[in-house]
PDB file of N, CA and C in Angstrom:
ATOM      1  N   MET A   1     -17.284  -0.774 -13.669  1.00  0.00           N
ATOM      2  CA  MET A   1     -17.002  -1.807 -14.902  1.00  0.00           C
ATOM      3  C   MET A   1     -15.723  -2.299 -14.788  1.00  0.00           C
ATOM      4  N   GLY A   2     -14.612  -1.609 -15.374  1.00  0.00           N
ATOM      5  CA  GLY A   2     -13.229  -2.099 -15.409  1.00  0.00           C
ATOM      6  C   GLY A   2     -12.519  -1.239 -14.458  1.00  0.00           C
ATOM      7  N   LYS A   3     -11.406  -1.983 -13.913  1.00  0.00           N
ATOM      8  CA  LYS A   3     -10.536  -1.298 -12.991  1.00  0.00           C
ATOM      9  C   LYS A   3      -9.485  -0.513 -13.744  1.00  0.00           C
ATOM     10  N   THR A   4      -8.917   0.587 -12.971  1.00  0.00           N
ATOM     11  CA  THR A   4      -7.755   1.209 -13.605  1.00  0.00           C
ATOM     12  C   THR A   4      -6.539   1.144 -12.603  1.00  0.00           C
ATOM     13  N   CYS A   5      -5.499   1.177 -13.108  1.00  0.00           N
ATOM     14  CA  CYS A   5      -4.223   1.018 -12.468  1.00  0.00           C
ATOM     15  C   CYS A   5      -3.986   2.310 -11.664  1.00  0.00           C
ATOM     16  N   ILE A   6      -3.740   2.098 -10.310  1.00  0.00           N
ATOM     17  CA  ILE A   6      -3.379   3.256  -9.481  1.00  0.00           C
ATOM     18  C   ILE A   6      -2.089   3.981  -9.807  1.00  0.00           C
ATOM     19  N   GLY A   7      -1.366   3.429 -10.593  1.00  0.00           N
ATOM     20  CA  GLY A   7       0.041   3.960 -10.976  1.00  0.00           C
ATOM     21  C   GLY A   7       0.011   4.899 -12.243  1.00  0.00           C
ATOM     22  N   CYS A   8      -0.473   4.125 -13.320  1.00  0.00           N
ATOM     23  CA  CYS A   8      -0.473   4.779 -14.553  1.00  0.00           C
ATOM     24  C   CYS A   8      -1.851   5.195 -14.921  1.00  0.00           C
ATOM     25  N   GLY A   9      -2.853   4.721 -14.444  1.00  0.00           N
ATOM     26  CA  GLY A   9      -4.382   4.898 -15.044  1.00  0.00           C
ATOM     27  C   GLY A   9      -4.833   4.189 -15.946  1.00  0.00           C
ATOM     28  N   LYS A  10      -4.078   3.213 -16.426  1.00  0.00           N
ATOM     29  CA  LYS A  10      -4.535   2.430 -17.650  1.00  0.00           C
ATOM     30  C   LYS A  10      -5.656   1.451 -17.044  1.00  0.00           C
ATOM     31  N   ALA A  11      -6.470   1.060 -18.229  1.00  0.00           N
ATOM     32  CA  ALA A  11      -7.675   0.058 -17.905  1.00  0.00           C
ATOM     33  C   ALA A  11      -7.063  -1.222 -17.612  1.00  0.00           C
ATOM     34  N   MET A  12      -7.553  -1.958 -16.569  1.00  0.00           N
ATOM     35  CA  MET A  12      -6.968  -3.269 -16.430  1.00  0.00           C
ATOM     36  C   MET A  12      -8.237  -4.241 -16.359  1.00  0.00           C
ATOM     37  N   GLY A  13      -7.757  -5.495 -16.497  1.00  0.00           N
ATOM     38  CA  GLY A  13      -8.993  -6.557 -16.321  1.00  0.00           C
ATOM     39  C   GLY A  13      -8.794  -7.616 -17.230  1.00  0.00           C
ATOM     40  N   GLY A  14      -9.193  -7.737 -18.380  1.00  0.00           N
ATOM     41  CA  GLY A  14      -9.247  -8.979 -19.143  1.00  0.00           C
ATOM     42  C   GLY A  14     -10.357  -9.947 -18.738  1.00  0.00           C
ATOM     43  N   VAL A  15     -10.379 -10.991 -19.399  1.00  0.00           N
ATOM     44  CA  VAL A  15     -11.561 -11.862 -19.072  1.00  0.00           C
ATOM     45  C   VAL A  15     -11.650 -12.297 -17.547  1.00  0.00           C
ATOM     46  N   ILE A  16     -10.553 -12.675 -16.878  1.00  0.00           N
ATOM     47  CA  ILE A  16     -10.495 -13.047 -15.574  1.00  0.00           C
ATOM     48  C   ILE A  16      -9.805 -11.997 -14.758  1.00  0.00           C
ATOM     49  N   GLY A  17      -9.503 -10.924 -15.206  1.00  0.00           N
ATOM     50  CA  GLY A  17      -8.967  -9.906 -14.440  1.00  0.00           C
ATOM     51  C   GLY A  17      -7.557 -10.265 -13.969  1.00  0.00           C
ATOM     52  N   ALA A  18      -6.764 -10.886 -14.823  1.00  0.00           N
ATOM     53  CA  ALA A  18      -5.375 -11.455 -14.692  1.00  0.00           C
ATOM     54  C   ALA A  18      -4.315 -10.343 -14.976  1.00  0.00           C
ATOM     55  N   TYR A  19      -4.652  -9.158 -15.451  1.00  0.00           N
ATOM     56  CA  TYR A  19      -3.581  -8.156 -15.737  1.00  0.00           C
ATOM     57  C   TYR A  19      -3.317  -7.169 -14.820  1.00  0.00           C
ATOM     58  N   GLY A  20      -3.496  -7.538 -13.469  1.00  0.00           N
ATOM     59  CA  GLY A  20      -3.421  -6.627 -12.463  1.00  0.00           C
ATOM     60  C   GLY A  20      -2.850  -7.330 -11.167  1.00  0.00           C
ATOM     61  N   VAL A  21      -2.158  -6.611 -10.248  1.00  0.00           N
ATOM     62  CA  VAL A  21      -1.553  -7.046  -9.058  1.00  0.00           C
ATOM     63  C   VAL A  21      -2.209  -6.307  -7.948  1.00  0.00           C
ATOM     64  N   LYS A  22      -2.809  -6.980  -6.939  1.00  0.00           N
ATOM     65  CA  LYS A  22      -3.233  -6.369  -5.961  1.00  0.00           C
ATOM     66  C   LYS A  22      -2.258  -6.005  -4.954  1.00  0.00           C
ATOM     67  N   LEU A  23      -2.343  -4.786  -4.346  1.00  0.00           N
ATOM     68  CA  LEU A  23      -1.582  -4.066  -3.242  1.00  0.00           C
ATOM     69  C   LEU A  23      -2.576  -3.753  -2.222  1.00  0.00           C
ATOM     70  N   LEU A  24      -1.979  -3.207  -1.011  1.00  0.00           N
ATOM     71  CA  LEU A  24      -2.798  -2.951   0.195  1.00  0.00           C
ATOM     72  C   LEU A  24      -3.537  -1.732  -0.220  1.00  0.00           C
ATOM     73  N   TYR A  25      -3.221  -0.817  -1.078  1.00  0.00           N
ATOM     74  CA  TYR A  25      -4.068   0.448  -1.163  1.00  0.00           C
ATOM     75  C   TYR A  25      -4.883   0.515  -2.559  1.00  0.00           C
ATOM     76  N   GLY A  26      -4.697  -0.702  -3.420  1.00  0.00           N
ATOM     77  CA  GLY A  26      -5.338  -0.716  -4.633  1.00  0.00           C
ATOM     78  C   GLY A  26      -4.683  -1.798  -5.475  1.00  0.00           C
ATOM     79  N   GLU A  27      -4.888  -1.607  -6.807  1.00  0.00           N
ATOM     80  CA  GLU A  27      -4.160  -2.623  -7.828  1.00  0.00           C
ATOM     81  C   GLU A  27      -3.333  -1.797  -8.933  1.00  0.00           C
ATOM     82  N   VAL A  28      -2.296  -2.431  -9.159  1.00  0.00           N
ATOM     83  CA  VAL A  28      -1.466  -1.724 -10.389  1.00  0.00           C
ATOM     84  C   VAL A  28      -1.466  -2.816 -11.525  1.00  0.00           C
ATOM     85  N   CYS A  29      -1.121  -2.248 -12.781  1.00  0.00           N
ATOM     86  CA  CYS A  29      -1.089  -3.228 -13.848  1.00  0.00           C
ATOM     87  C   CYS A  29       0.239  -3.829 -13.807  1.00  0.00           C
ATOM     88  N   LEU A  30       0.420  -4.852 -14.610  1.00  0.00           N
ATOM     89  CA  LEU A  30       1.812  -5.677 -14.709  1.00  0.00           C
ATOM     90  C   LEU A  30       2.789  -4.772 -15.124  1.00  0.00           C
ATOM     91  N   THR A  31       2.505  -3.761 -15.999  1.00  0.00           N
ATOM     92  CA  THR A  31       3.798  -2.891 -16.263  1.00  0.00           C
ATOM     93  C   THR A  31       4.134  -1.924 -15.115  1.00  0.00           C
ATOM     94  N   CYS A  32       3.240  -1.523 -14.443  1.00  0.00           N
ATOM     95  CA  CYS A  32       3.674  -0.786 -13.182  1.00  0.00           C
ATOM     96  C   CYS A  32       4.346  -1.754 -12.014  1.00  0.00           C
ATOM     97  N   ASN A  33       3.792  -2.749 -12.049  1.00  0.00           N
ATOM     98  CA  ASN A  33       4.353  -3.903 -10.972  1.00  0.00           C
ATOM     99  C   ASN A  33       5.948  -4.096 -11.310  1.00  0.00           C
ATOM    100  N   LYS A  34       6.244  -4.298 -12.538  1.00  0.00           N
ATOM    101  CA  LYS A  34       7.584  -4.433 -12.883  1.00  0.00           C
ATOM    102  C   LYS A  34       8.477  -3.159 -12.413  1.00  0.00           C
ATOM    103  N   LYS A  35       7.891  -2.134 -12.547  1.00  0.00           N
ATOM    104  CA  LYS A  35       8.566  -0.852 -12.107  1.00  0.00           C
ATOM    105  C   LYS A  35       8.862  -0.770 -10.714  1.00  0.00           C
ATOM    106  N   LEU A  36       7.780  -1.451  -9.928  1.00  0.00           N
ATOM    107  CA  LEU A  36       7.841  -1.441  -8.486  1.00  0.00           C
ATOM    108  C   LEU A  36       8.607  -2.499  -7.817  1.00  0.00           C
ATOM    109  N   ASN A  37       8.784  -3.600  -8.607  1.00  0.00           N
ATOM    110  CA  ASN A  37       9.327  -4.778  -8.079  1.00  0.00           C
ATOM    111  C   ASN A  37      10.663  -4.692  -7.283  1.00  0.00           C
ATOM    112  N   SER A  38      11.585  -3.724  -7.551  1.00  0.00           N
ATOM    113  CA  SER A  38      12.853  -3.542  -7.262  1.00  0.00           C
ATOM    114  C   SER A  38      12.753  -2.808  -5.681  1.00  0.00           C
ATOM    115  N   ILE A  39      11.523  -2.335  -5.339  1.00  0.00           N
ATOM    116  CA  ILE A  39      11.514  -1.453  -4.121  1.00  0.00           C
ATOM    117  C   ILE A  39      11.002  -2.369  -2.933  1.00  0.00           C
ATOM    118  N   PRO A  40      11.848  -2.614  -1.941  1.00  0.00           N
ATOM    119  CA  PRO A  40      11.213  -3.384  -0.864  1.00  0.00           C
ATOM    120  C   PRO A  40       9.951  -2.839  -0.374  1.00  0.00           C
ATOM    121  N   ASN A  41       9.012  -3.864  -0.038  1.00  0.00           N
ATOM    122  CA  ASN A  41       7.587  -3.598   0.717  1.00  0.00           C
ATOM    123  C   ASN A  41       6.860  -2.705  -0.147  1.00  0.00           C
ATOM    124  N   TYR A  42       7.069  -2.799  -1.505  1.00  0.00           N
ATOM    125  CA  TYR A  42       6.294  -1.789  -2.551  1.00  0.00           C
ATOM    126  C   TYR A  42       4.780  -1.928  -2.345  1.00  0.00           C
ATOM    127  N   GLN A  43       4.382  -3.160  -1.797  1.00  0.00           N
ATOM    128  CA  GLN A  43       2.860  -3.425  -1.721  1.00  0.00           C
ATOM    129  C   GLN A  43       2.274  -2.417  -0.676  1.00  0.00           C
ATOM    130  N   PHE A  44       3.019  -1.771   0.194  1.00  0.00           N
ATOM    131  CA  PHE A  44       2.528  -0.888   1.151  1.00  0.00           C
ATOM    132  C   PHE A  44       2.689   0.504   0.640  1.00  0.00           C
ATOM    133  N   LEU A  45       2.929   0.923  -0.466  1.00  0.00           N
ATOM    134  CA  LEU A  45       3.098   2.320  -1.012  1.00  0.00           C
ATOM    135  C   LEU A  45       1.727   2.761  -1.007  1.00  0.00           C
ATOM    136  N   THR A  46       1.398   4.081  -0.871  1.00  0.00           N
ATOM    137  CA  THR A  46       0.252   4.686  -1.070  1.00  0.00           C
ATOM    138  C   THR A  46      -0.068   4.897  -2.607  1.00  0.00           C
ATOM    139  N   PRO A  47      -1.103   5.161  -3.038  1.00  0.00           N
ATOM    140  CA  PRO A  47      -1.251   5.331  -4.491  1.00  0.00           C
ATOM    141  C   PRO A  47      -0.459   6.630  -5.014  1.00  0.00           C
ATOM    142  N   THR A  48      -0.394   7.634  -4.243  1.00  0.00           N
ATOM    143  CA  THR A  48       0.521   8.860  -4.538  1.00  0.00           C
ATOM    144  C   THR A  48       1.802   8.581  -4.657  1.00  0.00           C
ATOM    145  N   GLN A  49       2.430   7.588  -3.670  1.00  0.00           N
ATOM    146  CA  GLN A  49       3.812   7.280  -3.928  1.00  0.00           C
ATOM    147  C   GLN A  49       4.048   6.406  -5.110  1.00  0.00           C
ATOM    148  N   ILE A  50       3.087   5.530  -5.417  1.00  0.00           N
ATOM    149  CA  ILE A  50       3.154   4.760  -6.589  1.00  0.00           C
ATOM    150  C   ILE A  50       3.118   5.417  -7.844  1.00  0.00           C
ATOM    151  N   LYS A  51       2.292   6.405  -8.000  1.00  0.00           N
ATOM    152  CA  LYS A  51       2.461   7.337  -9.132  1.00  0.00           C
ATOM    153  C   LYS A  51       3.674   8.050  -9.229  1.00  0.00           C
ATOM    154  N   ASP A  52       4.121   8.532  -8.296  1.00  0.00           N
ATOM    155  CA  ASP A  52       5.376   9.454  -8.112  1.00  0.00           C
ATOM    156  C   ASP A  52       6.539   8.537  -8.592  1.00  0.00           C
ATOM    157  N   VAL A  53       6.599   7.305  -8.195  1.00  0.00           N
ATOM    158  CA  VAL A  53       7.613   6.591  -8.692  1.00  0.00           C
ATOM    159  C   VAL A  53       7.479   6.202 -10.115  1.00  0.00           C
ATOM    160  N   ILE A  54       6.482   5.848 -10.532  1.00  0.00           N
ATOM    161  CA  ILE A  54       6.263   5.441 -12.029  1.00  0.00           C
ATOM    162  C   ILE A  54       6.351   6.556 -12.867  1.00  0.00           C
ATOM    163  N   THR A  55       6.037   7.725 -12.518  1.00  0.00           N
ATOM    164  CA  THR A  55       6.144   8.928 -13.236  1.00  0.00           C
ATOM    165  C   THR A  55       7.696   9.645 -13.189  1.00  0.00           C
ATOM    166  N   GLY A  56       8.445   8.986 -12.328  1.00  0.00           N
ATOM    167  CA  GLY A  56       9.740   9.314 -12.160  1.00  0.00           C
ATOM    168  C   GLY A  56       9.955  10.807 -11.255  1.00  0.00           C
ATOM    169  N   LYS A  57       8.986  11.294 -10.609  1.00  0.00           N
ATOM    170  CA  LYS A  57       8.977  12.332  -9.606  1.00  0.00           C
ATOM    171  C   LYS A  57       9.736  12.070  -8.511  1.00  0.00           C
ATOM    172  N   VAL A  58       9.925  10.828  -8.089  1.00  0.00           N
ATOM    173  CA  VAL A  58      10.454  10.328  -6.915  1.00  0.00           C
ATOM    174  C   VAL A  58      11.381   9.223  -7.409  1.00  0.00           C
ATOM    175  N   LYS A  59      12.512   9.289  -6.910  1.00  0.00           N
ATOM    176  CA  LYS A  59      13.435   8.019  -7.181  1.00  0.00           C
ATOM    177  C   LYS A  59      12.971   6.879  -6.216  1.00  0.00           C
ATOM    178  N   LYS A  60      13.048   5.684  -6.678  1.00  0.00           N
ATOM    179  CA  LYS A  60      12.464   4.646  -5.877  1.00  0.00           C
ATOM    180  C   LYS A  60      13.384   4.502  -4.450  1.00  0.00           C
ATOM    181  N   GLU A  61      14.589   4.763  -4.597  1.00  0.00           N
ATOM    182  CA  GLU A  61      15.545   4.766  -3.300  1.00  0.00           C
ATOM    183  C   GLU A  61      14.903   5.805  -2.095  1.00  0.00           C
ATOM    184  N   ASP A  62      14.324   6.708  -2.653  1.00  0.00           N
ATOM    185  CA  ASP A  62      13.830   7.792  -1.793  1.00  0.00           C
ATOM    186  C   ASP A  62      12.549   7.621  -1.097  1.00  0.00           C
ATOM    187  N   VAL A  63      11.754   6.655  -1.575  1.00  0.00           N
ATOM    188  CA  VAL A  63      10.321   6.294  -1.029  1.00  0.00           C
ATOM    189  C   VAL A  63      10.406   5.881   0.383  1.00  0.00           C
ATOM    190  N   ARG A  64       9.702   6.377   1.104  1.00  0.00           N
ATOM    191  CA  ARG A  64       9.575   5.779   2.469  1.00  0.00           C
ATOM    192  C   ARG A  64       8.116   5.353   2.677  1.00  0.00           C
ATOM    193  N   ILE A  65       8.078   4.207   3.376  1.00  0.00           N
ATOM    194  CA  ILE A  65       6.836   3.400   3.644  1.00  0.00           C
ATOM    195  C   ILE A  65       6.133   3.921   4.745  1.00  0.00           C
ATOM    196  N   SER A  66       4.902   4.291   4.740  1.00  0.00           N
ATOM    197  CA  SER A  66       4.148   4.729   6.035  1.00  0.00           C
ATOM    198  C   SER A  66       4.037   3.484   6.895  1.00  0.00           C
ATOM    199  N   CYS A  67       4.209   3.565   7.990  1.00  0.00           N
ATOM    200  CA  CYS A  67       4.193   2.375   9.016  1.00  0.00           C
ATOM    201  C   CYS A  67       2.904   2.377   9.732  1.00  0.00           C
ATOM    202  N   ASP A  68       1.962   3.397   9.703  1.00  0.00           N
ATOM    203  CA  ASP A  68       0.920   3.632  10.371  1.00  0.00           C
ATOM    204  C   ASP A  68      -0.491   3.063   9.686  1.00  0.00           C
ATOM    205  N   PHE A  69      -0.749   1.932   9.649  1.00  0.00           N
ATOM    206  CA  PHE A  69      -1.901   1.202   9.061  1.00  0.00           C
ATOM    207  C   PHE A  69      -3.120   1.022  10.024  1.00  0.00           C
ATOM    208  N   SER A  70      -2.845   1.366  11.151  1.00  0.00           N
ATOM    209  CA  SER A  70      -3.988   1.296  12.090  1.00  0.00           C
ATOM    210  C   SER A  70      -5.031   2.353  12.001  1.00  0.00           C
ATOM    211  N   ARG A  71      -6.273   1.923  12.533  1.00  0.00           N
ATOM    212  CA  ARG A  71      -7.409   2.856  12.426  1.00  0.00           C
ATOM    213  C   ARG A  71      -7.508   3.336  14.150  1.00  0.00           C
ATOM    214  N   PRO A  72      -8.119   4.591  14.298  1.00  0.00           N
ATOM    215  CA  PRO A  72      -8.370   4.882  15.650  1.00  0.00           C
ATOM    216  C   PRO A  72      -9.149   3.842  16.322  1.00  0.00           C
ATOM    217  N   GLY A  73      -8.798   3.408  17.635  1.00  0.00           N
ATOM    218  CA  GLY A  73      -9.194   2.416  18.343  1.00  0.00           C
ATOM    219  C   GLY A  73      -8.786   1.030  18.161  1.00  0.00           C
ATOM    220  N   ASP A  74      -8.033   0.750  17.144  1.00  0.00           N
ATOM    221  CA  ASP A  74      -7.394  -0.618  16.976  1.00  0.00           C
ATOM    222  C   ASP A  74      -6.100  -0.707  18.073  1.00  0.00           C
ATOM    223  N   ALA A  75      -5.964  -1.819  18.514  1.00  0.00           N
ATOM    224  CA  ALA A  75      -4.882  -2.168  19.382  1.00  0.00           C
ATOM    225  C   ALA A  75      -3.710  -2.064  18.576  1.00  0.00           C
ATOM    226  N   VAL A  76      -2.615  -1.654  19.282  1.00  0.00           N
ATOM    227  CA  VAL A  76      -1.472  -1.595  18.599  1.00  0.00           C
ATOM    228  C   VAL A  76      -0.733  -2.960  18.388  1.00  0.00           C
ATOM    229  N   ALA A  77      -0.407  -3.431  17.284  1.00  0.00           N
ATOM    230  CA  ALA A  77       0.119  -4.811  17.099  1.00  0.00           C
ATOM    231  C   ALA A  77       1.498  -4.713  17.188  1.00  0.00           C
ATOM    232  N   LYS A  78       2.031  -5.960  17.770  1.00  0.00           N
ATOM    233  CA  LYS A  78       3.388  -5.908  18.046  1.00  0.00           C
ATOM    234  C   LYS A  78       4.133  -6.222  16.655  1.00  0.00           C
ATOM    235  N   PRO A  79       5.373  -5.688  16.599  1.00  0.00           N
ATOM    236  CA  PRO A  79       5.951  -6.222  15.161  1.00  0.00           C
ATOM    237  C   PRO A  79       6.256  -7.557  15.072  1.00  0.00           C
ATOM    238  N   PRO A  80       6.091  -8.102  13.804  1.00  0.00           N
ATOM    239  CA  PRO A  80       6.297  -9.332  13.641  1.00  0.00           C
ATOM    240  C   PRO A  80       7.916  -9.924  13.907  1.00  0.00           C
ATOM    241  N   SER A  81       7.984 -11.084  14.400  1.00  0.00           N
ATOM    242  CA  SER A  81       9.439 -11.493  14.581  1.00  0.00           C
ATOM    243  C   SER A  81      10.093 -11.795  13.325  1.00  0.00           C
ATOM    244  N   PRO A  82      11.354 -11.931  13.385  1.00  0.00           N
ATOM    245  CA  PRO A  82      12.188 -12.015  12.183  1.00  0.00           C
ATOM    246  C   PRO A  82      11.785 -13.320  11.515  1.00  0.00           C
ATOM    247  N   ALA A  83      11.438 -14.479  12.215  1.00  0.00           N
ATOM    248  CA  ALA A  83      10.979 -15.600  11.619  1.00  0.00           C
ATOM    249  C   ALA A  83       9.677 -15.514  10.855  1.00  0.00           C
ATOM    250  N   GLU A  84       8.745 -14.743  11.521  1.00  0.00           N
ATOM    251  CA  GLU A  84       7.417 -14.369  10.739  1.00  0.00           C
ATOM    252  C   GLU A  84       7.720 -13.605   9.546  1.00  0.00           C
ATOM    253  N   GLU A  85       8.472 -12.606   9.680  1.00  0.00           N
ATOM    254  CA  GLU A  85       8.849 -11.839   8.471  1.00  0.00           C
ATOM    255  C   GLU A  85       9.468 -12.669   7.327  1.00  0.00           C
ATOM    256  N   ILE A  86      10.297 -13.364   7.680  1.00  0.00           N
ATOM    257  CA  ILE A  86      10.967 -14.389   6.669  1.00  0.00           C
ATOM    258  C   ILE A  86       9.966 -15.218   5.962  1.00  0.00           C
ATOM    259  N   ARG A  87       8.965 -15.793   6.630  1.00  0.00           N
ATOM    260  CA  ARG A  87       7.760 -16.615   6.028  1.00  0.00           C
ATOM    261  C   ARG A  87       7.046 -15.686   5.218  1.00  0.00           C
ATOM    262  N   GLN A  88       6.874 -14.462   5.475  1.00  0.00           N
ATOM    263  CA  GLN A  88       5.967 -13.575   4.641  1.00  0.00           C
ATOM    264  C   GLN A  88       6.807 -13.214   3.309  1.00  0.00           C
ATOM    265  N   TYR A  89       8.015 -12.949   3.374  1.00  0.00           N
ATOM    266  CA  TYR A  89       9.004 -12.803   2.318  1.00  0.00           C
ATOM    267  C   TYR A  89       8.934 -14.031   1.467  1.00  0.00           C
ATOM    268  N   LYS A  90       8.909 -15.223   2.128  1.00  0.00           N
ATOM    269  CA  LYS A  90       9.114 -16.568   1.341  1.00  0.00           C
ATOM    270  C   LYS A  90       7.774 -16.589   0.586  1.00  0.00           C
ATOM    271  N   GLU A  91       6.682 -16.180   1.003  1.00  0.00           N
ATOM    272  CA  GLU A  91       5.387 -16.151   0.246  1.00  0.00           C
ATOM    273  C   GLU A  91       5.511 -15.357  -0.834  1.00  0.00           C
ATOM    274  N   LEU A  92       6.053 -14.244  -0.765  1.00  0.00           N
ATOM    275  CA  LEU A  92       6.466 -13.312  -1.924  1.00  0.00           C
ATOM    276  C   LEU A  92       7.205 -13.872  -2.894  1.00  0.00           C
ATOM    277  N   LEU A  93       8.266 -14.629  -2.464  1.00  0.00           N
ATOM    278  CA  LEU A  93       9.218 -15.356  -3.335  1.00  0.00           C
ATOM    279  C   LEU A  93       8.411 -16.320  -4.269  1.00  0.00           C
ATOM    280  N   ASP A  94       7.538 -17.270  -3.406  1.00  0.00           N
ATOM    281  CA  ASP A  94       6.776 -18.222  -4.081  1.00  0.00           C
ATOM    282  C   ASP A  94       5.800 -17.737  -5.064  1.00  0.00           C
ATOM    283  N   ASP A  95       5.162 -16.804  -4.729  1.00  0.00           N
ATOM    284  CA  ASP A  95       4.160 -15.937  -5.769  1.00  0.00           C
ATOM    285  C   ASP A  95       4.949 -15.166  -6.880  1.00  0.00           C
ATOM    286  N   GLY A  96       6.272 -15.088  -6.804  1.00  0.00           N
ATOM    287  CA  GLY A  96       7.054 -14.485  -7.929  1.00  0.00           C
ATOM    288  C   GLY A  96       7.038 -13.064  -7.796  1.00  0.00           C
ATOM    289  N   ILE A  97       6.698 -12.409  -6.757  1.00  0.00           N
ATOM    290  CA  ILE A  97       6.704 -10.943  -6.446  1.00  0.00           C
ATOM    291  C   ILE A  97       7.993 -10.517  -6.334  1.00  0.00           C
ATOM    292  N   ILE A  98       8.861 -11.159  -5.564  1.00  0.00           N
ATOM    293  CA  ILE A  98      10.395 -10.729  -5.323  1.00  0.00           C
ATOM    294  C   ILE A  98      11.147 -11.992  -5.974  1.00  0.00           C
ATOM    295  N   THR A  99      12.421 -11.639  -6.079  1.00  0.00           N
ATOM    296  CA  THR A  99      13.520 -12.565  -6.756  1.00  0.00           C
ATOM    297  C   THR A  99      14.055 -13.353  -5.593  1.00  0.00           C
ATOM    298  N   ARG A 100      14.769 -14.463  -5.897  1.00  0.00           N
ATOM    299  CA  ARG A 100      15.466 -15.160  -5.081  1.00  0.00           C
ATOM    300  C   ARG A 100      16.586 -14.387  -4.286  1.00  0.00           C
ATOM    301  N   GLU A 101      17.332 -13.373  -5.016  1.00  0.00           N
ATOM    302  CA  GLU A 101      18.348 -12.564  -4.696  1.00  0.00           C
ATOM    303  C   GLU A 101      17.614 -11.683  -3.536  1.00  0.00           C
ATOM    304  N   GLU A 102      16.515 -10.885  -3.857  1.00  0.00           N
ATOM    305  CA  GLU A 102      15.963 -10.233  -2.944  1.00  0.00           C
ATOM    306  C   GLU A 102      15.580 -10.774  -1.644  1.00  0.00           C
ATOM    307  N   PHE A 103      14.927 -11.975  -1.775  1.00  0.00           N
ATOM    308  CA  PHE A 103      14.735 -12.805  -0.650  1.00  0.00           C
ATOM    309  C   PHE A 103      15.968 -13.165   0.193  1.00  0.00           C
ATOM    310  N   GLU A 104      16.950 -13.601  -0.375  1.00  0.00           N
ATOM    311  CA  GLU A 104      18.293 -13.839   0.364  1.00  0.00           C
ATOM    312  C   GLU A 104      18.739 -12.584   1.105  1.00  0.00           C
ATOM    313  N   ALA A 105      18.634 -11.546   0.357  1.00  0.00           N
ATOM    314  CA  ALA A 105      19.169 -10.291   0.971  1.00  0.00           C
ATOM    315  C   ALA A 105      18.364  -9.806   2.303  1.00  0.00           C
ATOM    316  N   VAL A 106      16.939 -10.033   2.168  1.00  0.00           N
ATOM    317  CA  VAL A 106      16.017  -9.738   3.228  1.00  0.00           C
ATOM    318  C   VAL A 106      16.302 -10.637   4.295  1.00  0.00           C
ATOM    319  N   LYS A 107      16.527 -12.000   4.058  1.00  0.00           N
ATOM    320  CA  LYS A 107      16.742 -13.152   5.094  1.00  0.00           C
ATOM    321  C   LYS A 107      17.937 -12.815   5.845  1.00  0.00           C
ATOM    322  N   LYS A 108      19.037 -12.502   5.011  1.00  0.00           N
ATOM    323  CA  LYS A 108      20.335 -12.097   5.807  1.00  0.00           C
ATOM    324  C   LYS A 108      20.232 -10.856   6.657  1.00  0.00           C
ATOM    325  N   ARG A 109      19.482  -9.848   6.219  1.00  0.00           N
ATOM    326  CA  ARG A 109      19.347  -8.859   7.082  1.00  0.00           C
ATOM    327  C   ARG A 109      18.572  -8.937   8.302  1.00  0.00           C
ATOM    328  N   LEU A 110      17.417  -9.748   8.222  1.00  0.00           N
ATOM    329  CA  LEU A 110      16.617 -10.141   9.377  1.00  0.00           C
ATOM    330  C   LEU A 110      17.354 -11.154  10.376  1.00  0.00           C
ATOM    331  N   MET A 111      18.322 -11.969   9.902  1.00  0.00           N
ATOM    332  CA  MET A 111      18.901 -12.906  10.661  1.00  0.00           C
ATOM    333  C   MET A 111      20.341 -12.212  11.116  1.00  0.00           C
ATOM    334  N   ASN A 112      20.443 -10.768  10.787  1.00  0.00           N
ATOM    335  CA  ASN A 112      21.747 -10.226  11.236  1.00  0.00           C
ATOM    336  C   ASN A 112      22.972 -10.799  10.819  1.00  0.00           C
ATOM    337  N   ILE A 113      23.035 -11.408   9.409  1.00  0.00           N
ATOM    338  CA  ILE A 113      24.274 -12.225   9.103  1.00  0.00           C
ATOM    339  C   ILE A 113      25.032 -11.040   8.192  1.00  0.00           C
TER     340      ILE A 113
END
């Protein structure tokens, strides 16, 4: 029936399901999303990592993102170019997931400025 937040466990939904944000491993409510917004690449955190950050067990600065999203038998994908990564972060900016300052910081880092 209803979805629950992988961070805090609250029921999510509403009439059109607009009270949640989709991540790679599941969905979080808008409250939890606000707590995760300042973590670079928070969309790739596992549910356990999200819960640990939200409950304060782990500082957001100490969270390490798992880089192994492949399944056995998958070809190893080459890492995206800096230009491709900037495009991806621009989409996050356009969607309101990251701030202009976060985007500019990532852009400078990727361009080695």
